[in-house]
PDB file of N, CA and C in Angstrom:
ATOM      1  N   MET A   1     102.044  83.865 120.861  1.00  0.00           N
ATOM      2  CA  MET A   1     102.815  83.824 121.848  1.00  0.00           C
ATOM      3  C   MET A   1     102.639  84.625 122.616  1.00  0.00           C
ATOM      4  N   THR A   2     103.059  84.585 123.719  1.00  0.00           N
ATOM      5  CA  THR A   2     102.737  85.334 124.794  1.00  0.00           C
ATOM      6  C   THR A   2     103.886  86.858 124.651  1.00  0.00           C
ATOM      7  N   PRO A   3     103.223  87.713 125.465  1.00  0.00           N
ATOM      8  CA  PRO A   3     104.287  89.008 125.120  1.00  0.00           C
ATOM      9  C   PRO A   3     105.630  88.702 125.767  1.00  0.00           C
ATOM     10  N   THR A   4     105.744  88.144 126.811  1.00  0.00           N
ATOM     11  CA  THR A   4     107.072  87.834 127.254  1.00  0.00           C
ATOM     12  C   THR A   4     107.776  86.763 126.322  1.00  0.00           C
ATOM     13  N   ARG A   5     107.440  86.026 125.701  1.00  0.00           N
ATOM     14  CA  ARG A   5     107.953  85.320 124.758  1.00  0.00           C
ATOM     15  C   ARG A   5     108.714  86.224 123.264  1.00  0.00           C
ATOM     16  N   THR A   6     107.427  87.023 123.071  1.00  0.00           N
ATOM     17  CA  THR A   6     107.527  87.586 122.054  1.00  0.00           C
ATOM     18  C   THR A   6     108.827  88.572 122.156  1.00  0.00           C
ATOM     19  N   LEU A   7     108.869  89.422 122.949  1.00  0.00           N
ATOM     20  CA  LEU A   7     109.926  90.221 123.468  1.00  0.00           C
ATOM     21  C   LEU A   7     111.320  89.622 123.681  1.00  0.00           C
ATOM     22  N   ARG A   8     111.222  88.208 124.129  1.00  0.00           N
ATOM     23  CA  ARG A   8     112.427  87.469 124.628  1.00  0.00           C
ATOM     24  C   ARG A   8     113.111  86.955 122.998  1.00  0.00           C
ATOM     25  N   SER A   9     111.943  86.650 122.224  1.00  0.00           N
ATOM     26  CA  SER A   9     112.459  86.337 120.735  1.00  0.00           C
ATOM     27  C   SER A   9     113.012  87.153 120.196  1.00  0.00           C
ATOM     28  N   GLY A  10     112.502  88.285 120.402  1.00  0.00           N
ATOM     29  CA  GLY A  10     113.089  89.586 119.561  1.00  0.00           C
ATOM     30  C   GLY A  10     114.553  89.843 119.905  1.00  0.00           C
ATOM     31  N   ALA A  11     114.754  89.895 121.566  1.00  0.00           N
ATOM     32  CA  ALA A  11     115.909  90.108 121.717  1.00  0.00           C
ATOM     33  C   ALA A  11     116.901  89.246 121.266  1.00  0.00           C
ATOM     34  N   ILE A  12     116.683  87.859 121.149  1.00  0.00           N
ATOM     35  CA  ILE A  12     117.535  86.968 121.062  1.00  0.00           C
ATOM     36  C   ILE A  12     117.816  86.945 119.311  1.00  0.00           C
ATOM     37  N   LEU A  13     116.923  87.222 118.750  1.00  0.00           N
ATOM     38  CA  LEU A  13     116.904  87.612 117.316  1.00  0.00           C
ATOM     39  C   LEU A  13     117.854  88.397 117.100  1.00  0.00           C
ATOM     40  N   ALA A  14     117.572  89.570 117.601  1.00  0.00           N
ATOM     41  CA  ALA A  14     118.409  90.834 117.475  1.00  0.00           C
ATOM     42  C   ALA A  14     119.797  90.868 117.604  1.00  0.00           C
ATOM     43  N   ALA A  15     120.205  90.054 118.921  1.00  0.00           N
ATOM     44  CA  ALA A  15     121.670  89.728 119.235  1.00  0.00           C
ATOM     45  C   ALA A  15     121.991  89.251 118.114  1.00  0.00           C
ATOM     46  N   LEU A  16     121.393  87.978 117.782  1.00  0.00           N
ATOM     47  CA  LEU A  16     122.148  87.019 116.799  1.00  0.00           C
ATOM     48  C   LEU A  16     122.337  87.544 115.420  1.00  0.00           C
ATOM     49  N   ALA A  17     121.458  88.636 114.946  1.00  0.00           N
ATOM     50  CA  ALA A  17     121.692  89.107 113.804  1.00  0.00           C
ATOM     51  C   ALA A  17     122.651  89.980 113.743  1.00  0.00           C
ATOM     52  N   VAL A  18     122.924  90.923 114.958  1.00  0.00           N
ATOM     53  CA  VAL A  18     124.162  91.737 114.914  1.00  0.00           C
ATOM     54  C   VAL A  18     125.334  90.699 114.801  1.00  0.00           C
ATOM     55  N   ALA A  19     125.390  89.701 115.539  1.00  0.00           N
ATOM     56  CA  ALA A  19     127.083  88.891 115.483  1.00  0.00           C
ATOM     57  C   ALA A  19     126.785  88.219 114.386  1.00  0.00           C
ATOM     58  N   LEU A  20     126.011  87.880 113.463  1.00  0.00           N
ATOM     59  CA  LEU A  20     125.827  86.948 112.338  1.00  0.00           C
ATOM     60  C   LEU A  20     126.493  88.202 111.491  1.00  0.00           C
ATOM     61  N   GLY A  21     125.804  89.589 111.393  1.00  0.00           N
ATOM     62  CA  GLY A  21     126.270  90.418 110.376  1.00  0.00           C
ATOM     63  C   GLY A  21     127.947  90.930 110.787  1.00  0.00           C
ATOM     64  N   ALA A  22     128.016  90.959 111.840  1.00  0.00           N
ATOM     65  CA  ALA A  22     129.760  91.146 112.332  1.00  0.00           C
ATOM     66  C   ALA A  22     130.590  90.257 111.769  1.00  0.00           C
ATOM     67  N   PHE A  23     129.880  89.027 111.814  1.00  0.00           N
ATOM     68  CA  PHE A  23     130.651  87.462 111.481  1.00  0.00           C
ATOM     69  C   PHE A  23     130.793  87.718 109.773  1.00  0.00           C
ATOM     70  N   ALA A  24     129.852  88.246 109.136  1.00  0.00           N
ATOM     71  CA  ALA A  24     129.969  88.252 107.756  1.00  0.00           C
ATOM     72  C   ALA A  24     130.887  89.173 107.483  1.00  0.00           C
ATOM     73  N   ALA A  25     130.643  90.178 108.171  1.00  0.00           N
ATOM     74  CA  ALA A  25     131.543  91.600 107.602  1.00  0.00           C
ATOM     75  C   ALA A  25     133.218  91.313 107.901  1.00  0.00           C
ATOM     76  N   HIS A  26     133.635  90.693 109.058  1.00  0.00           N
ATOM     77  CA  HIS A  26     135.010  90.569 109.448  1.00  0.00           C
ATOM     78  C   HIS A  26     135.497  88.796 109.152  1.00  0.00           C
ATOM     79  N   GLY A  27     134.361  87.864 109.300  1.00  0.00           N
ATOM     80  CA  GLY A  27     135.087  86.542 108.953  1.00  0.00           C
ATOM     81  C   GLY A  27     134.679  85.691 107.541  1.00  0.00           C
ATOM     82  N   LEU A  28     133.947  86.255 107.082  1.00  0.00           N
ATOM     83  CA  LEU A  28     133.431  85.878 106.004  1.00  0.00           C
ATOM     84  C   LEU A  28     133.605  86.580 104.713  1.00  0.00           C
ATOM     85  N   LYS A  29     134.145  87.840 104.623  1.00  0.00           N
ATOM     86  CA  LYS A  29     134.410  88.501 103.766  1.00  0.00           C
ATOM     87  C   LYS A  29     135.392  88.107 102.824  1.00  0.00           C
ATOM     88  N   PRO A  30     136.315  87.649 103.511  1.00  0.00           N
ATOM     89  CA  PRO A  30     137.438  87.202 102.429  1.00  0.00           C
ATOM     90  C   PRO A  30     137.159  85.834 102.078  1.00  0.00           C
ATOM     91  N   ARG A  31     136.164  85.118 102.398  1.00  0.00           N
ATOM     92  CA  ARG A  31     135.868  83.727 102.134  1.00  0.00           C
ATOM     93  C   ARG A  31     134.834  83.477 101.311  1.00  0.00           C
ATOM     94  N   LEU A  32     134.151  84.248 100.989  1.00  0.00           N
ATOM     95  CA  LEU A  32     132.765  84.286 100.127  1.00  0.00           C
ATOM     96  C   LEU A  32     133.045  85.087  98.786  1.00  0.00           C
ATOM     97  N   ASP A  33     132.498  84.942  97.896  1.00  0.00           N
ATOM     98  CA  ASP A  33     132.250  86.059  96.735  1.00  0.00           C
ATOM     99  C   ASP A  33     131.330  86.755  96.932  1.00  0.00           C
ATOM    100  N   ALA A  34     131.413  87.785  96.055  1.00  0.00           N
ATOM    101  CA  ALA A  34     130.273  88.844  96.571  1.00  0.00           C
ATOM    102  C   ALA A  34     128.775  88.297  96.592  1.00  0.00           C
ATOM    103  N   ALA A  35     128.348  87.639  95.750  1.00  0.00           N
ATOM    104  CA  ALA A  35     127.258  87.272  95.610  1.00  0.00           C
ATOM    105  C   ALA A  35     126.500  86.766  96.930  1.00  0.00           C
ATOM    106  N   MET A  36     127.477  85.803  97.274  1.00  0.00           N
ATOM    107  CA  MET A  36     127.620  84.893  98.768  1.00  0.00           C
ATOM    108  C   MET A  36     127.255  85.506  99.813  1.00  0.00           C
ATOM    109  N   LEU A  37     127.990  86.511  99.637  1.00  0.00           N
ATOM    110  CA  LEU A  37     128.382  87.692 101.001  1.00  0.00           C
ATOM    111  C   LEU A  37     127.182  88.296 101.046  1.00  0.00           C
ATOM    112  N   ALA A  38     126.418  88.931 100.026  1.00  0.00           N
ATOM    113  CA  ALA A  38     125.433  89.517  99.956  1.00  0.00           C
ATOM    114  C   ALA A  38     124.249  88.673 100.437  1.00  0.00           C
ATOM    115  N   ASN A  39     123.884  87.622 100.030  1.00  0.00           N
ATOM    116  CA  ASN A  39     123.072  86.804 100.259  1.00  0.00           C
ATOM    117  C   ASN A  39     122.891  86.361 101.949  1.00  0.00           C
ATOM    118  N   PHE A  40     124.284  86.564 102.545  1.00  0.00           N
ATOM    119  CA  PHE A  40     124.408  86.054 103.810  1.00  0.00           C
ATOM    120  C   PHE A  40     123.849  87.660 104.660  1.00  0.00           C
ATOM    121  N   GLU A  41     124.483  88.914 104.166  1.00  0.00           N
ATOM    122  CA  GLU A  41     123.874  89.872 104.545  1.00  0.00           C
ATOM    123  C   GLU A  41     122.702  90.165 104.341  1.00  0.00           C
ATOM    124  N   THR A  42     121.962  89.907 103.560  1.00  0.00           N
ATOM    125  CA  THR A  42     120.304  89.860 103.432  1.00  0.00           C
ATOM    126  C   THR A  42     119.897  89.193 104.267  1.00  0.00           C
ATOM    127  N   GLY A  43     120.221  87.887 104.823  1.00  0.00           N
ATOM    128  CA  GLY A  43     119.587  87.240 105.892  1.00  0.00           C
ATOM    129  C   GLY A  43     119.537  87.912 107.132  1.00  0.00           C
ATOM    130  N   ALA A  44     120.832  88.410 107.403  1.00  0.00           N
ATOM    131  CA  ALA A  44     120.882  89.319 108.861  1.00  0.00           C
ATOM    132  C   ALA A  44     120.150  90.307 108.684  1.00  0.00           C
ATOM    133  N   ARG A  45     120.054  91.102 107.704  1.00  0.00           N
ATOM    134  CA  ARG A  45     119.249  92.605 107.430  1.00  0.00           C
ATOM    135  C   ARG A  45     117.800  92.281 107.778  1.00  0.00           C
ATOM    136  N   TYR A  46     117.433  91.171 107.061  1.00  0.00           N
ATOM    137  CA  TYR A  46     115.709  90.473 107.384  1.00  0.00           C
ATOM    138  C   TYR A  46     115.575  90.029 108.944  1.00  0.00           C
ATOM    139  N   GLN A  47     116.488  89.388 109.103  1.00  0.00           N
ATOM    140  CA  GLN A  47     116.384  89.208 110.904  1.00  0.00           C
ATOM    141  C   GLN A  47     116.533  90.069 111.495  1.00  0.00           C
ATOM    142  N   MET A  48     117.121  91.069 111.476  1.00  0.00           N
ATOM    143  CA  MET A  48     116.917  92.025 112.420  1.00  0.00           C
ATOM    144  C   MET A  48     115.392  92.867 112.082  1.00  0.00           C
ATOM    145  N   TYR A  49     114.928  92.635 110.875  1.00  0.00           N
ATOM    146  CA  TYR A  49     113.669  93.360 110.645  1.00  0.00           C
ATOM    147  C   TYR A  49     112.687  92.994 111.613  1.00  0.00           C
ATOM    148  N   ALA A  50     112.859  91.512 111.457  1.00  0.00           N
ATOM    149  CA  ALA A  50     111.853  90.575 112.262  1.00  0.00           C
ATOM    150  C   ALA A  50     112.226  90.676 113.963  1.00  0.00           C
ATOM    151  N   ALA A  51     113.091  90.818 113.938  1.00  0.00           N
ATOM    152  CA  ALA A  51     113.562  90.911 115.409  1.00  0.00           C
ATOM    153  C   ALA A  51     113.285  92.393 116.114  1.00  0.00           C
ATOM    154  N   LEU A  52     112.989  93.642 115.098  1.00  0.00           N
ATOM    155  CA  LEU A  52     112.489  94.817 115.703  1.00  0.00           C
ATOM    156  C   LEU A  52     111.323  94.707 115.592  1.00  0.00           C
ATOM    157  N   ALA A  53     110.333  93.952 114.624  1.00  0.00           N
ATOM    158  CA  ALA A  53     109.011  93.828 114.602  1.00  0.00           C
ATOM    159  C   ALA A  53     108.502  93.372 116.151  1.00  0.00           C
ATOM    160  N   LEU A  54     109.213  91.877 116.422  1.00  0.00           N
ATOM    161  CA  LEU A  54     108.856  91.265 117.436  1.00  0.00           C
ATOM    162  C   LEU A  54     109.067  91.826 119.018  1.00  0.00           C
ATOM    163  N   LEU A  55     110.198  92.942 118.682  1.00  0.00           N
ATOM    164  CA  LEU A  55     110.180  93.791 120.148  1.00  0.00           C
ATOM    165  C   LEU A  55     109.373  94.725 120.177  1.00  0.00           C
ATOM    166  N   ALA A  56     108.741  95.188 119.165  1.00  0.00           N
ATOM    167  CA  ALA A  56     107.323  96.067 119.095  1.00  0.00           C
ATOM    168  C   ALA A  56     106.053  95.417 119.393  1.00  0.00           C
ATOM    169  N   LEU A  57     106.121  94.282 118.794  1.00  0.00           N
ATOM    170  CA  LEU A  57     104.567  93.539 119.232  1.00  0.00           C
ATOM    171  C   LEU A  57     104.574  93.074 120.390  1.00  0.00           C
ATOM    172  N   GLY A  58     105.860  92.671 120.998  1.00  0.00           N
ATOM    173  CA  GLY A  58     105.879  92.233 122.394  1.00  0.00           C
ATOM    174  C   GLY A  58     105.360  93.309 123.492  1.00  0.00           C
ATOM    175  N   THR A  59     105.023  94.620 123.352  1.00  0.00           N
ATOM    176  CA  THR A  59     104.626  95.050 123.972  1.00  0.00           C
ATOM    177  C   THR A  59     103.053  95.433 123.769  1.00  0.00           C
ATOM    178  N   GLN A  60     102.332  94.861 122.710  1.00  0.00           N
ATOM    179  CA  GLN A  60     100.813  94.698 122.530  1.00  0.00           C
ATOM    180  C   GLN A  60     100.382  93.642 122.641  1.00  0.00           C
ATOM    181  N   PRO A  61      99.819  93.418 124.049  1.00  0.00           N
ATOM    182  CA  PRO A  61      99.163  92.109 124.392  1.00  0.00           C
ATOM    183  C   PRO A  61      97.912  91.600 123.043  1.00  0.00           C
ATOM    184  N   ALA A  62      97.570  92.161 122.482  1.00  0.00           N
ATOM    185  CA  ALA A  62      96.627  91.648 121.340  1.00  0.00           C
ATOM    186  C   ALA A  62      97.228  91.169 120.270  1.00  0.00           C
ATOM    187  N   GLN A  63      98.547  91.378 120.545  1.00  0.00           N
ATOM    188  CA  GLN A  63      99.567  90.676 119.014  1.00  0.00           C
ATOM    189  C   GLN A  63      99.506  89.247 119.548  1.00  0.00           C
ATOM    190  N   ARG A  64      99.117  88.273 119.421  1.00  0.00           N
ATOM    191  CA  ARG A  64      99.399  86.742 119.575  1.00  0.00           C
ATOM    192  C   ARG A  64      99.367  86.056 118.200  1.00  0.00           C
ATOM    193  N   ARG A  65      99.299  86.694 117.153  1.00  0.00           N
ATOM    194  CA  ARG A  65      99.200  85.406 116.211  1.00  0.00           C
ATOM    195  C   ARG A  65     100.427  85.755 114.995  1.00  0.00           C
ATOM    196  N   ALA A  66     100.593  86.960 115.109  1.00  0.00           N
ATOM    197  CA  ALA A  66     101.605  87.871 114.390  1.00  0.00           C
ATOM    198  C   ALA A  66     103.132  87.372 114.426  1.00  0.00           C
ATOM    199  N   PRO A  67     103.545  87.180 115.903  1.00  0.00           N
ATOM    200  CA  PRO A  67     104.751  86.933 116.286  1.00  0.00           C
ATOM    201  C   PRO A  67     105.422  85.757 115.747  1.00  0.00           C
ATOM    202  N   GLY A  68     104.541  84.661 115.902  1.00  0.00           N
ATOM    203  CA  GLY A  68     105.169  83.162 115.546  1.00  0.00           C
ATOM    204  C   GLY A  68     105.154  83.333 114.159  1.00  0.00           C
ATOM    205  N   PHE A  69     104.658  83.711 113.400  1.00  0.00           N
ATOM    206  CA  PHE A  69     104.666  83.607 111.850  1.00  0.00           C
ATOM    207  C   PHE A  69     106.077  84.568 111.513  1.00  0.00           C
ATOM    208  N   LEU A  70     106.239  85.627 112.073  1.00  0.00           N
ATOM    209  CA  LEU A  70     107.367  86.478 112.193  1.00  0.00           C
ATOM    210  C   LEU A  70     108.637  85.842 112.551  1.00  0.00           C
ATOM    211  N   LEU A  71     108.568  85.070 113.597  1.00  0.00           N
ATOM    212  CA  LEU A  71     109.640  84.040 114.073  1.00  0.00           C
ATOM    213  C   LEU A  71     109.969  82.829 113.549  1.00  0.00           C
ATOM    214  N   ALA A  72     109.077  82.492 112.779  1.00  0.00           N
ATOM    215  CA  ALA A  72     109.163  81.230 111.843  1.00  0.00           C
ATOM    216  C   ALA A  72     109.637  81.501 110.714  1.00  0.00           C
ATOM    217  N   GLY A  73     109.113  82.621 110.053  1.00  0.00           N
ATOM    218  CA  GLY A  73     109.664  83.054 108.686  1.00  0.00           C
ATOM    219  C   GLY A  73     110.920  83.755 109.043  1.00  0.00           C
ATOM    220  N   ALA A  74     111.362  84.520 109.817  1.00  0.00           N
ATOM    221  CA  ALA A  74     112.926  84.397 109.984  1.00  0.00           C
ATOM    222  C   ALA A  74     113.945  83.683 110.004  1.00  0.00           C
ATOM    223  N   ILE A  75     113.248  82.562 110.543  1.00  0.00           N
ATOM    224  CA  ILE A  75     114.379  81.559 111.048  1.00  0.00           C
ATOM    225  C   ILE A  75     114.447  80.734 109.479  1.00  0.00           C
ATOM    226  N   ILE A  76     113.131  80.574 108.870  1.00  0.00           N
ATOM    227  CA  ILE A  76     113.294  79.868 107.848  1.00  0.00           C
ATOM    228  C   ILE A  76     114.136  80.654 106.351  1.00  0.00           C
ATOM    229  N   PHE A  77     113.819  82.125 106.459  1.00  0.00           N
ATOM    230  CA  PHE A  77     114.188  83.156 105.118  1.00  0.00           C
ATOM    231  C   PHE A  77     115.737  83.011 105.462  1.00  0.00           C
ATOM    232  N   SER A  78     116.079  83.535 106.840  1.00  0.00           N
ATOM    233  CA  SER A  78     117.477  84.010 107.066  1.00  0.00           C
ATOM    234  C   SER A  78     118.436  82.865 107.274  1.00  0.00           C
ATOM    235  N   GLY A  79     117.877  81.645 107.850  1.00  0.00           N
ATOM    236  CA  GLY A  79     118.492  80.403 107.963  1.00  0.00           C
ATOM    237  C   GLY A  79     118.921  79.892 106.764  1.00  0.00           C
ATOM    238  N   SER A  80     117.860  79.850 105.728  1.00  0.00           N
ATOM    239  CA  SER A  80     118.038  79.534 104.325  1.00  0.00           C
ATOM    240  C   SER A  80     119.119  80.184 103.498  1.00  0.00           C
ATOM    241  N   LEU A  81     119.109  81.670 103.966  1.00  0.00           N
ATOM    242  CA  LEU A  81     120.397  82.244 103.066  1.00  0.00           C
ATOM    243  C   LEU A  81     121.684  82.126 103.710  1.00  0.00           C
ATOM    244  N   TYR A  82     121.746  82.018 105.033  1.00  0.00           N
ATOM    245  CA  TYR A  82     123.268  81.779 105.581  1.00  0.00           C
ATOM    246  C   TYR A  82     123.558  80.343 105.167  1.00  0.00           C
ATOM    247  N   VAL A  83     122.674  79.330 105.182  1.00  0.00           N
ATOM    248  CA  VAL A  83     123.196  78.006 104.661  1.00  0.00           C
ATOM    249  C   VAL A  83     123.718  78.033 103.153  1.00  0.00           C
ATOM    250  N   LEU A  84     122.617  78.529 102.345  1.00  0.00           N
ATOM    251  CA  LEU A  84     123.177  78.823 101.097  1.00  0.00           C
ATOM    252  C   LEU A  84     124.370  79.705 100.947  1.00  0.00           C
ATOM    253  N   ALA A  85     124.850  80.620 101.868  1.00  0.00           N
ATOM    254  CA  ALA A  85     125.963  81.145 101.372  1.00  0.00           C
ATOM    255  C   ALA A  85     126.992  80.583 102.237  1.00  0.00           C
ATOM    256  N   LEU A  86     126.954  79.938 103.229  1.00  0.00           N
ATOM    257  CA  LEU A  86     127.997  78.762 103.858  1.00  0.00           C
ATOM    258  C   LEU A  86     128.383  77.557 102.939  1.00  0.00           C
ATOM    259  N   THR A  87     127.471  76.808 102.366  1.00  0.00           N
ATOM    260  CA  THR A  87     127.159  75.457 101.325  1.00  0.00           C
ATOM    261  C   THR A  87     127.341  76.108  99.794  1.00  0.00           C
ATOM    262  N   GLY A  88     126.909  77.199  99.415  1.00  0.00           N
ATOM    263  CA  GLY A  88     126.675  77.121  98.178  1.00  0.00           C
ATOM    264  C   GLY A  88     125.454  76.007  97.661  1.00  0.00           C
ATOM    265  N   VAL A  89     124.941  75.420  98.488  1.00  0.00           N
ATOM    266  CA  VAL A  89     123.650  74.465  97.747  1.00  0.00           C
ATOM    267  C   VAL A  89     122.403  75.165  97.642  1.00  0.00           C
ATOM    268  N   LYS A  90     122.428  75.438  96.095  1.00  0.00           N
ATOM    269  CA  LYS A  90     121.425  76.282  95.334  1.00  0.00           C
ATOM    270  C   LYS A  90     119.707  75.917  95.787  1.00  0.00           C
ATOM    271  N   ALA A  91     119.917  74.527  96.097  1.00  0.00           N
ATOM    272  CA  ALA A  91     118.447  74.187  96.055  1.00  0.00           C
ATOM    273  C   ALA A  91     117.758  74.820  97.791  1.00  0.00           C
ATOM    274  N   LEU A  92     118.554  75.047  98.164  1.00  0.00           N
ATOM    275  CA  LEU A  92     117.867  75.944  99.346  1.00  0.00           C
ATOM    276  C   LEU A  92     117.141  77.346  98.930  1.00  0.00           C
ATOM    277  N   GLY A  93     117.741  77.793  97.766  1.00  0.00           N
ATOM    278  CA  GLY A  93     116.876  78.794  97.184  1.00  0.00           C
ATOM    279  C   GLY A  93     115.447  78.539  97.162  1.00  0.00           C
ATOM    280  N   ALA A  94     114.847  77.534  97.232  1.00  0.00           N
ATOM    281  CA  ALA A  94     113.404  77.141  96.824  1.00  0.00           C
ATOM    282  C   ALA A  94     112.995  77.351  98.550  1.00  0.00           C
ATOM    283  N   VAL A  95     113.673  77.118  99.322  1.00  0.00           N
ATOM    284  CA  VAL A  95     113.102  77.466 100.756  1.00  0.00           C
ATOM    285  C   VAL A  95     112.904  78.699 101.194  1.00  0.00           C
ATOM    286  N   THR A  96     113.890  79.860 100.819  1.00  0.00           N
ATOM    287  CA  THR A  96     114.104  81.047 100.971  1.00  0.00           C
ATOM    288  C   THR A  96     112.229  81.782 100.880  1.00  0.00           C
ATOM    289  N   PRO A  97     111.879  81.740  99.665  1.00  0.00           N
ATOM    290  CA  PRO A  97     110.639  82.604  99.744  1.00  0.00           C
ATOM    291  C   PRO A  97     109.546  81.874 100.607  1.00  0.00           C
ATOM    292  N   ILE A  98     109.648  80.479 101.299  1.00  0.00           N
ATOM    293  CA  ILE A  98     108.515  80.026 102.195  1.00  0.00           C
ATOM    294  C   ILE A  98     108.494  81.082 103.412  1.00  0.00           C
ATOM    295  N   GLY A  99     110.038  81.120 103.741  1.00  0.00           N
ATOM    296  CA  GLY A  99     110.446  81.794 104.833  1.00  0.00           C
ATOM    297  C   GLY A  99     109.848  83.683 104.779  1.00  0.00           C
ATOM    298  N   GLY A 100     109.857  84.188 103.358  1.00  0.00           N
ATOM    299  CA  GLY A 100     109.830  85.397 103.251  1.00  0.00           C
ATOM    300  C   GLY A 100     108.049  85.578 103.103  1.00  0.00           C
ATOM    301  N   ALA A 101     107.298  84.430 102.517  1.00  0.00           N
ATOM    302  CA  ALA A 101     105.522  84.533 102.987  1.00  0.00           C
ATOM    303  C   ALA A 101     105.267  84.411 104.244  1.00  0.00           C
ATOM    304  N   LEU A 102     105.958  83.822 104.925  1.00  0.00           N
ATOM    305  CA  LEU A 102     105.626  83.493 106.417  1.00  0.00           C
ATOM    306  C   LEU A 102     105.655  85.019 107.138  1.00  0.00           C
ATOM    307  N   MET A 103     106.904  85.950 106.754  1.00  0.00           N
ATOM    308  CA  MET A 103     106.999  87.095 107.155  1.00  0.00           C
ATOM    309  C   MET A 103     106.251  88.282 107.123  1.00  0.00           C
ATOM    310  N   ILE A 104     105.874  88.083 105.771  1.00  0.00           N
ATOM    311  CA  ILE A 104     104.613  88.987 105.211  1.00  0.00           C
ATOM    312  C   ILE A 104     103.415  88.314 105.921  1.00  0.00           C
ATOM    313  N   ALA A 105     103.200  87.116 106.170  1.00  0.00           N
ATOM    314  CA  ALA A 105     101.799  86.927 106.733  1.00  0.00           C
ATOM    315  C   ALA A 105     101.800  86.957 108.129  1.00  0.00           C
ATOM    316  N   GLY A 106     102.781  87.386 108.691  1.00  0.00           N
ATOM    317  CA  GLY A 106     103.103  87.843 110.225  1.00  0.00           C
ATOM    318  C   GLY A 106     102.886  89.354 110.270  1.00  0.00           C
ATOM    319  N   PHE A 107     103.260  90.482 109.411  1.00  0.00           N
ATOM    320  CA  PHE A 107     103.014  91.729 109.412  1.00  0.00           C
ATOM    321  C   PHE A 107     101.630  92.029 108.851  1.00  0.00           C
ATOM    322  N   VAL A 108     101.197  91.345 108.277  1.00  0.00           N
ATOM    323  CA  VAL A 108      99.546  91.315 107.720  1.00  0.00           C
ATOM    324  C   VAL A 108      98.734  91.201 109.159  1.00  0.00           C
ATOM    325  N   LEU A 109      99.175  90.024 109.552  1.00  0.00           N
ATOM    326  CA  LEU A 109      98.488  89.797 110.810  1.00  0.00           C
ATOM    327  C   LEU A 109      98.422  91.027 111.877  1.00  0.00           C
ATOM    328  N   ALA A 110      99.812  91.093 111.758  1.00  0.00           N
ATOM    329  CA  ALA A 110      99.802  92.288 112.943  1.00  0.00           C
ATOM    330  C   ALA A 110      99.043  93.653 112.857  1.00  0.00           C
ATOM    331  N   ALA A 111      98.727  94.097 111.599  1.00  0.00           N
ATOM    332  CA  ALA A 111      98.320  95.182 111.175  1.00  0.00           C
ATOM    333  C   ALA A 111      96.522  94.725 111.418  1.00  0.00           C
ATOM    334  N   LEU A 112      96.276  93.416 111.289  1.00  0.00           N
ATOM    335  CA  LEU A 112      94.784  92.765 111.376  1.00  0.00           C
ATOM    336  C   LEU A 112      94.441  92.821 112.662  1.00  0.00           C
ATOM    337  N   ASP A 113      95.604  92.517 113.570  1.00  0.00           N
ATOM    338  CA  ASP A 113      95.458  92.592 115.205  1.00  0.00           C
ATOM    339  C   ASP A 113      95.381  93.816 115.739  1.00  0.00           C
ATOM    340  N   VAL A 114      95.738  94.814 115.200  1.00  0.00           N
ATOM    341  CA  VAL A 114      95.732  96.029 116.040  1.00  0.00           C
ATOM    342  C   VAL A 114      94.587  96.221 116.714  1.00  0.00           C
ATOM    343  N   LYS A 115      94.985  96.691 117.815  1.00  0.00           N
ATOM    344  CA  LYS A 115      93.491  96.881 118.912  1.00  0.00           C
ATOM    345  C   LYS A 115      92.819  98.112 118.422  1.00  0.00           C
ATOM    346  N   LYS A 116      91.406  97.980 118.175  1.00  0.00           N
ATOM    347  CA  LYS A 116      91.036  99.169 117.732  1.00  0.00           C
ATOM    348  C   LYS A 116      90.505 100.222 119.128  1.00  0.00           C
ATOM    349  N   GLY A 117      90.849 101.431 118.549  1.00  0.00           N
ATOM    350  CA  GLY A 117      90.753 102.430 119.823  1.00  0.00           C
ATOM    351  C   GLY A 117      92.349 102.455 120.455  1.00  0.00           C
ATOM    352  N   GLY A 118      93.364 102.010 119.915  1.00  0.00           N
ATOM    353  CA  GLY A 118      94.592 102.053 120.651  1.00  0.00           C
ATOM    354  C   GLY A 118      95.924 102.299 119.930  1.00  0.00           C
TER     355      GLY A 118
END
């Protein structure tokens, strides 16, 4: 991803994480049981982690591989938790680790792609 796309993606992901977190706290709290609300909130928290990482990586032109993995991972990880919490479809729990693995790979790639001497 280009630095511009990385920054834009990070900003959008962060805005959505705040909006979804507020939605969970105010709109879903009376509707979901504690476990499902916790799943939703975990999705929002990890989405924000990925967003902040994208904002940081967007300032580093050498970071071309990690952003895509982080973005895809956040969408799959957080998205599956959101849908799980809202629908109760337990099968989505099998998808969540794929998103987590993509995010981990993104952070590892970020470490590997740090420009030497910088």
